[in-house]
Amino acid sequence: MEGLYRPIKKDLSRLAQTCAEAFIDYPLHAYAVPERTEREKLLPSYFKVMVRYGFKFGDMYATSENLEGVAIYIHPESGPITTWRWVQCGMLGFMHECGSAAMKRYNQAIAPIEMLKKKHAPPPFTYLGYLAVEPRSQNRGYASKLVKPMLDHLAEKKMACYLETFKPKNEEFYNRLGFKTVEKFPLPGTDLTVISLLWQPSEK
């Protein structure tokens, strides 16, 4: 994507830190790991797994070599997101570090995600797995910079883009970019709601 930086392997730790800072108070992580100090310790490890997935099986872009923000896309030609692929990216190590109680809460929270994806995302589609901008660089247009070029690319291919978020403020941002909210799924027994959003190219 023109104007964006393609991360390389040496960027992994810094990318994970950017994501950890961006998502420190994200509802999913706050639910799974209620103590903020514990989240500060755990989230860099969590996002190292996510970034490895982006390197191995995804399409990843950063705002610049300074890594103020990063987007991880999964295209249909990359194949399905599988447990074995997560294992290859280090998920077992994170699970051990996280502990059984927090992992149980994580699993409970993400349980409906695959169901919602199958229900609302028209195949083939590109999945926006993560979009993160470090707090000190937010409100500068970096998030839009990471998404708009991909939507232009997908428009040319006549392909949809799908994502979900647990944060209502994110819904407003994606709506402004042309994503439509297709379902809000309240998670039983929690204050969490999974918001499914779909962008589709114009039929013109």
C-alpha atoms as a PDB file:
ATOM      1  CA  MET A   1       0.000   0.000   0.000  1.00  0.00           C
ATOM      2  CA  GLU A   2       1.467   3.315  -1.082  1.00  0.00           C
ATOM      3  CA  GLY A   3       2.545   5.533   1.802  1.00  0.00           C
ATOM      4  CA  LEU A   4       2.585   2.690   4.327  1.00  0.00           C
ATOM      5  CA  TYR A   5       5.458   0.700   5.782  1.00  0.00           C
ATOM      6  CA  ARG A   6       5.679  -3.086   5.520  1.00  0.00           C
ATOM      7  CA  PRO A   7       7.023  -4.315   8.886  1.00  0.00           C
ATOM      8  CA  ILE A   8       9.912  -6.767   9.028  1.00  0.00           C
ATOM      9  CA  LYS A   9      10.743  -9.414  11.635  1.00  0.00           C
ATOM     10  CA  LYS A  10      12.955  -7.129  13.710  1.00  0.00           C
ATOM     11  CA  ASP A  11       9.904  -4.909  14.322  1.00  0.00           C
ATOM     12  CA  LEU A  12       7.990  -7.655  16.157  1.00  0.00           C
ATOM     13  CA  SER A  13       8.556  -6.504  19.747  1.00  0.00           C
ATOM     14  CA  ARG A  14       7.907  -2.844  18.968  1.00  0.00           C
ATOM     15  CA  LEU A  15       4.744  -3.695  17.049  1.00  0.00           C
ATOM     16  CA  ALA A  16       3.528  -5.804  19.966  1.00  0.00           C
ATOM     17  CA  GLN A  17       4.194  -2.901  22.337  1.00  0.00           C
ATOM     18  CA  THR A  18       2.278  -0.479  20.097  1.00  0.00           C
ATOM     19  CA  CYS A  19      -0.701  -2.852  20.139  1.00  0.00           C
ATOM     20  CA  ALA A  20      -0.443  -3.474  23.885  1.00  0.00           C
ATOM     21  CA  GLU A  21      -0.513   0.252  24.630  1.00  0.00           C
ATOM     22  CA  ALA A  22      -3.403   0.826  22.238  1.00  0.00           C
ATOM     23  CA  PHE A  23      -5.495  -2.004  23.697  1.00  0.00           C
ATOM     24  CA  ILE A  24      -4.629  -1.640  27.393  1.00  0.00           C
ATOM     25  CA  ASP A  25      -8.197  -0.612  28.310  1.00  0.00           C
ATOM     26  CA  TYR A  26     -10.000  -2.501  25.542  1.00  0.00           C
ATOM     27  CA  PRO A  27     -13.154  -4.146  26.980  1.00  0.00           C
ATOM     28  CA  LEU A  28     -12.153  -7.690  25.981  1.00  0.00           C
ATOM     29  CA  HIS A  29      -8.799  -7.511  27.751  1.00  0.00           C
ATOM     30  CA  ALA A  30     -10.199  -5.625  30.737  1.00  0.00           C
ATOM     31  CA  TYR A  31     -12.746  -8.400  31.177  1.00  0.00           C
ATOM     32  CA  ALA A  32     -10.252 -11.239  30.834  1.00  0.00           C
ATOM     33  CA  VAL A  33      -7.551  -9.580  32.969  1.00  0.00           C
ATOM     34  CA  PRO A  34      -9.272  -7.098  35.328  1.00  0.00           C
ATOM     35  CA  GLU A  35      -6.103  -5.790  37.009  1.00  0.00           C
ATOM     36  CA  ARG A  36      -4.524  -3.130  34.809  1.00  0.00           C
ATOM     37  CA  THR A  37      -1.014  -3.825  36.084  1.00  0.00           C
ATOM     38  CA  GLU A  38      -1.421  -7.471  35.070  1.00  0.00           C
ATOM     39  CA  ARG A  39      -2.639  -6.439  31.626  1.00  0.00           C
ATOM     40  CA  GLU A  40       0.430  -4.250  31.219  1.00  0.00           C
ATOM     41  CA  LYS A  41       2.574  -7.329  31.827  1.00  0.00           C
ATOM     42  CA  LEU A  42       0.550  -9.745  29.691  1.00  0.00           C
ATOM     43  CA  LEU A  43      -0.522  -7.788  26.634  1.00  0.00           C
ATOM     44  CA  PRO A  44       2.932  -7.478  25.018  1.00  0.00           C
ATOM     45  CA  SER A  45       3.108 -11.298  25.050  1.00  0.00           C
ATOM     46  CA  TYR A  46      -0.443 -11.557  23.709  1.00  0.00           C
ATOM     47  CA  PHE A  47       0.291  -9.222  20.835  1.00  0.00           C
ATOM     48  CA  LYS A  48       3.565 -10.914  19.972  1.00  0.00           C
ATOM     49  CA  VAL A  49       1.383 -13.897  19.095  1.00  0.00           C
ATOM     50  CA  MET A  50      -0.935 -11.702  17.016  1.00  0.00           C
ATOM     51  CA  VAL A  51       1.949 -10.000  15.191  1.00  0.00           C
ATOM     52  CA  ARG A  52       3.604 -13.360  14.474  1.00  0.00           C
ATOM     53  CA  TYR A  53       0.319 -14.445  12.925  1.00  0.00           C
ATOM     54  CA  GLY A  54       0.397 -11.318  10.797  1.00  0.00           C
ATOM     55  CA  PHE A  55       3.900 -12.128   9.592  1.00  0.00           C
ATOM     56  CA  LYS A  56       3.205 -15.815   8.917  1.00  0.00           C
ATOM     57  CA  PHE A  57      -0.324 -15.804   7.579  1.00  0.00           C
ATOM     58  CA  GLY A  58      -1.480 -12.217   7.171  1.00  0.00           C
ATOM     59  CA  ASP A  59      -0.886  -8.914   5.433  1.00  0.00           C
ATOM     60  CA  MET A  60       0.519  -6.300   7.791  1.00  0.00           C
ATOM     61  CA  TYR A  61       1.085  -2.554   7.411  1.00  0.00           C
ATOM     62  CA  ALA A  62       2.401   0.153   9.721  1.00  0.00           C
ATOM     63  CA  THR A  63       2.063   3.915   9.505  1.00  0.00           C
ATOM     64  CA  SER A  64       5.844   4.349   9.162  1.00  0.00           C
ATOM     65  CA  GLU A  65       9.115   2.879  10.373  1.00  0.00           C
ATOM     66  CA  ASN A  66       8.296   4.560  13.699  1.00  0.00           C
ATOM     67  CA  LEU A  67       5.433   2.063  14.082  1.00  0.00           C
ATOM     68  CA  GLU A  68       2.910   4.530  15.472  1.00  0.00           C
ATOM     69  CA  GLY A  69       0.146   2.231  14.274  1.00  0.00           C
ATOM     70  CA  VAL A  70      -0.355  -1.153  12.656  1.00  0.00           C
ATOM     71  CA  ALA A  71      -3.100  -3.028  10.809  1.00  0.00           C
ATOM     72  CA  ILE A  72      -3.236  -6.810  10.371  1.00  0.00           C
ATOM     73  CA  TYR A  73      -5.377  -8.133   7.532  1.00  0.00           C
ATOM     74  CA  ILE A  74      -6.153 -11.763   6.703  1.00  0.00           C
ATOM     75  CA  HIS A  75      -7.011 -12.308   3.037  1.00  0.00           C
ATOM     76  CA  PRO A  76      -8.996 -15.305   1.784  1.00  0.00           C
ATOM     77  CA  GLU A  77      -6.000 -16.699  -0.077  1.00  0.00           C
ATOM     78  CA  SER A  78      -4.191 -16.991   3.275  1.00  0.00           C
ATOM     79  CA  GLY A  79      -6.479 -19.840   4.269  1.00  0.00           C
ATOM     80  CA  PRO A  80      -8.494 -20.338   7.468  1.00  0.00           C
ATOM     81  CA  ILE A  81      -7.537 -19.156  10.937  1.00  0.00           C
ATOM     82  CA  THR A  82      -6.842 -22.408  12.783  1.00  0.00           C
ATOM     83  CA  THR A  83      -5.762 -23.579  16.230  1.00  0.00           C
ATOM     84  CA  TRP A  84      -2.612 -25.119  14.757  1.00  0.00           C
ATOM     85  CA  ARG A  85      -1.654 -21.797  13.211  1.00  0.00           C
ATOM     86  CA  TRP A  86      -2.058 -20.071  16.574  1.00  0.00           C
ATOM     87  CA  VAL A  87       0.150 -22.747  18.148  1.00  0.00           C
ATOM     88  CA  GLN A  88       2.812 -22.057  15.527  1.00  0.00           C
ATOM     89  CA  CYS A  89       2.705 -18.395  16.510  1.00  0.00           C
ATOM     90  CA  GLY A  90       3.300 -19.045  20.218  1.00  0.00           C
ATOM     91  CA  MET A  91      -0.194 -19.207  21.679  1.00  0.00           C
ATOM     92  CA  LEU A  92       0.654 -22.047  24.079  1.00  0.00           C
ATOM     93  CA  GLY A  93       3.334 -19.945  25.730  1.00  0.00           C
ATOM     94  CA  PHE A  94       0.912 -17.064  26.190  1.00  0.00           C
ATOM     95  CA  MET A  95      -1.738 -19.387  27.638  1.00  0.00           C
ATOM     96  CA  HIS A  96       0.753 -20.626  30.213  1.00  0.00           C
ATOM     97  CA  GLU A  97       1.751 -17.073  31.113  1.00  0.00           C
ATOM     98  CA  CYS A  98      -1.854 -15.905  31.245  1.00  0.00           C
ATOM     99  CA  GLY A  99      -3.187 -18.612  33.559  1.00  0.00           C
ATOM    100  CA  SER A 100      -6.314 -20.721  33.416  1.00  0.00           C
ATOM    101  CA  ALA A 101      -8.766 -18.209  34.938  1.00  0.00           C
ATOM    102  CA  ALA A 102      -7.952 -15.425  32.484  1.00  0.00           C
ATOM    103  CA  MET A 103      -7.865 -17.850  29.544  1.00  0.00           C
ATOM    104  CA  LYS A 104     -11.323 -19.106  30.500  1.00  0.00           C
ATOM    105  CA  ARG A 105     -12.611 -15.526  30.354  1.00  0.00           C
ATOM    106  CA  TYR A 106     -10.855 -14.919  27.027  1.00  0.00           C
ATOM    107  CA  ASN A 107     -12.377 -18.068  25.545  1.00  0.00           C
ATOM    108  CA  GLN A 108     -15.816 -17.162  26.838  1.00  0.00           C
ATOM    109  CA  ALA A 109     -15.581 -13.707  25.278  1.00  0.00           C
ATOM    110  CA  ILE A 110     -14.319 -14.773  21.861  1.00  0.00           C
ATOM    111  CA  ALA A 111     -16.608 -17.813  21.567  1.00  0.00           C
ATOM    112  CA  PRO A 112     -19.234 -16.065  19.365  1.00  0.00           C
ATOM    113  CA  ILE A 113     -16.722 -14.446  17.009  1.00  0.00           C
ATOM    114  CA  GLU A 114     -16.445 -17.315  14.539  1.00  0.00           C
ATOM    115  CA  MET A 115     -20.213 -17.759  14.519  1.00  0.00           C
ATOM    116  CA  LEU A 116     -20.755 -14.075  13.740  1.00  0.00           C
ATOM    117  CA  LYS A 117     -18.106 -14.129  11.025  1.00  0.00           C
ATOM    118  CA  LYS A 118     -19.743 -17.099   9.286  1.00  0.00           C
ATOM    119  CA  LYS A 119     -23.134 -15.443   9.606  1.00  0.00           C
ATOM    120  CA  HIS A 120     -22.260 -12.006   8.249  1.00  0.00           C
ATOM    121  CA  ALA A 121     -19.075 -12.111   6.145  1.00  0.00           C
ATOM    122  CA  PRO A 122     -19.749 -13.003   2.499  1.00  0.00           C
ATOM    123  CA  PRO A 123     -16.931 -15.202   1.183  1.00  0.00           C
ATOM    124  CA  PRO A 124     -14.418 -14.474  -0.121  1.00  0.00           C
ATOM    125  CA  PHE A 125     -13.668 -11.550   2.201  1.00  0.00           C
ATOM    126  CA  THR A 126     -10.729  -9.838   3.852  1.00  0.00           C
ATOM    127  CA  TYR A 127     -10.708  -9.869   7.649  1.00  0.00           C
ATOM    128  CA  LEU A 128      -9.343  -6.889   9.545  1.00  0.00           C
ATOM    129  CA  GLY A 129      -7.947  -8.709  12.552  1.00  0.00           C
ATOM    130  CA  TYR A 130      -6.320  -5.800  14.377  1.00  0.00           C
ATOM    131  CA  LEU A 131      -6.014  -2.053  14.013  1.00  0.00           C
ATOM    132  CA  ALA A 132      -3.914  -0.326  16.659  1.00  0.00           C
ATOM    133  CA  VAL A 133      -2.462   3.153  17.120  1.00  0.00           C
ATOM    134  CA  GLU A 134      -0.303   3.969  20.140  1.00  0.00           C
ATOM    135  CA  PRO A 135      -2.087   6.386  22.518  1.00  0.00           C
ATOM    136  CA  ARG A 136       0.310   9.311  22.036  1.00  0.00           C
ATOM    137  CA  SER A 137      -0.247   9.174  18.265  1.00  0.00           C
ATOM    138  CA  GLN A 138      -4.033   8.876  18.253  1.00  0.00           C
ATOM    139  CA  ASN A 139      -6.374  11.477  16.726  1.00  0.00           C
ATOM    140  CA  ARG A 140      -3.863  12.242  13.957  1.00  0.00           C
ATOM    141  CA  GLY A 141      -5.526  10.276  11.180  1.00  0.00           C
ATOM    142  CA  TYR A 142      -3.236   7.252  11.460  1.00  0.00           C
ATOM    143  CA  ALA A 143      -6.063   4.738  11.801  1.00  0.00           C
ATOM    144  CA  SER A 144      -7.747   5.979   8.634  1.00  0.00           C
ATOM    145  CA  LYS A 145      -4.370   5.946   6.878  1.00  0.00           C
ATOM    146  CA  LEU A 146      -4.086   2.232   7.665  1.00  0.00           C
ATOM    147  CA  VAL A 147      -7.591   1.332   6.478  1.00  0.00           C
ATOM    148  CA  LYS A 148      -8.568   3.531   3.531  1.00  0.00           C
ATOM    149  CA  PRO A 149      -5.901   2.258   1.077  1.00  0.00           C
ATOM    150  CA  MET A 150      -6.943  -1.325   1.770  1.00  0.00           C
ATOM    151  CA  LEU A 151     -10.601  -0.490   1.172  1.00  0.00           C
ATOM    152  CA  ASP A 152      -9.647   1.144  -2.139  1.00  0.00           C
ATOM    153  CA  HIS A 153      -7.738  -2.018  -3.053  1.00  0.00           C
ATOM    154  CA  LEU A 154     -10.660  -4.240  -2.084  1.00  0.00           C
ATOM    155  CA  ALA A 155     -13.060  -2.042  -4.046  1.00  0.00           C
ATOM    156  CA  GLU A 156     -11.035  -2.793  -7.171  1.00  0.00           C
ATOM    157  CA  LYS A 157     -11.261  -6.522  -6.397  1.00  0.00           C
ATOM    158  CA  LYS A 158     -14.986  -6.274  -5.547  1.00  0.00           C
ATOM    159  CA  MET A 159     -14.253  -7.913  -2.197  1.00  0.00           C
ATOM    160  CA  ALA A 160     -15.808  -7.230   1.220  1.00  0.00           C
ATOM    161  CA  CYS A 161     -13.986  -6.445   4.470  1.00  0.00           C
ATOM    162  CA  TYR A 162     -15.234  -7.715   7.824  1.00  0.00           C
ATOM    163  CA  LEU A 163     -14.258  -7.084  11.436  1.00  0.00           C
ATOM    164  CA  GLU A 164     -15.608  -7.164  14.944  1.00  0.00           C
ATOM    165  CA  THR A 165     -14.985  -4.931  17.927  1.00  0.00           C
ATOM    166  CA  PHE A 166     -15.882  -4.902  21.618  1.00  0.00           C
ATOM    167  CA  LYS A 167     -15.578  -1.097  21.864  1.00  0.00           C
ATOM    168  CA  PRO A 168     -18.578   1.121  20.934  1.00  0.00           C
ATOM    169  CA  LYS A 169     -16.332   4.097  20.090  1.00  0.00           C
ATOM    170  CA  ASN A 170     -14.647   1.960  17.434  1.00  0.00           C
ATOM    171  CA  GLU A 171     -18.032   1.301  15.849  1.00  0.00           C
ATOM    172  CA  GLU A 172     -18.438   5.030  15.193  1.00  0.00           C
ATOM    173  CA  PHE A 173     -15.006   5.217  13.546  1.00  0.00           C
ATOM    174  CA  TYR A 174     -15.669   2.281  11.237  1.00  0.00           C
ATOM    175  CA  ASN A 175     -19.128   3.558  10.362  1.00  0.00           C
ATOM    176  CA  ARG A 176     -17.502   6.784   9.126  1.00  0.00           C
ATOM    177  CA  LEU A 177     -15.286   4.692   6.841  1.00  0.00           C
ATOM    178  CA  GLY A 178     -18.313   3.016   5.292  1.00  0.00           C
ATOM    179  CA  PHE A 179     -18.606  -0.124   7.428  1.00  0.00           C
ATOM    180  CA  LYS A 180     -22.145  -1.095   8.322  1.00  0.00           C
ATOM    181  CA  THR A 181     -23.002  -2.488  11.737  1.00  0.00           C
ATOM    182  CA  VAL A 182     -24.597  -5.864  11.007  1.00  0.00           C
ATOM    183  CA  GLU A 183     -25.093  -7.221  14.534  1.00  0.00           C
ATOM    184  CA  LYS A 184     -24.520  -6.401  18.178  1.00  0.00           C
ATOM    185  CA  PHE A 185     -24.204  -9.599  20.184  1.00  0.00           C
ATOM    186  CA  PRO A 186     -24.401  -9.189  24.009  1.00  0.00           C
ATOM    187  CA  LEU A 187     -22.265 -11.797  25.741  1.00  0.00           C
ATOM    188  CA  PRO A 188     -24.363 -13.551  28.430  1.00  0.00           C
ATOM    189  CA  GLY A 189     -23.158 -13.017  31.978  1.00  0.00           C
ATOM    190  CA  THR A 190     -20.897 -10.085  31.078  1.00  0.00           C
ATOM    191  CA  ASP A 191     -21.057  -6.413  30.156  1.00  0.00           C
ATOM    192  CA  LEU A 192     -19.424  -7.193  26.801  1.00  0.00           C
ATOM    193  CA  THR A 193     -21.049  -6.773  23.401  1.00  0.00           C
ATOM    194  CA  VAL A 194     -19.431  -8.030  20.225  1.00  0.00           C
ATOM    195  CA  ILE A 195     -20.116  -5.596  17.376  1.00  0.00           C
ATOM    196  CA  SER A 196     -19.898  -7.041  13.859  1.00  0.00           C
ATOM    197  CA  LEU A 197     -19.138  -4.643  11.005  1.00  0.00           C
ATOM    198  CA  LEU A 198     -19.059  -5.210   7.257  1.00  0.00           C
ATOM    199  CA  TRP A 199     -17.753  -3.050   4.440  1.00  0.00           C
ATOM    200  CA  GLN A 200     -18.830  -3.874   0.905  1.00  0.00           C
ATOM    201  CA  PRO A 201     -17.666  -2.297  -2.347  1.00  0.00           C
ATOM    202  CA  SER A 202     -20.044  -0.141  -4.309  1.00  0.00           C
ATOM    203  CA  GLU A 203     -21.952  -1.912  -7.044  1.00  0.00           C
ATOM    204  CA  LYS A 204     -21.373   1.012  -9.429  1.00  0.00           C
END
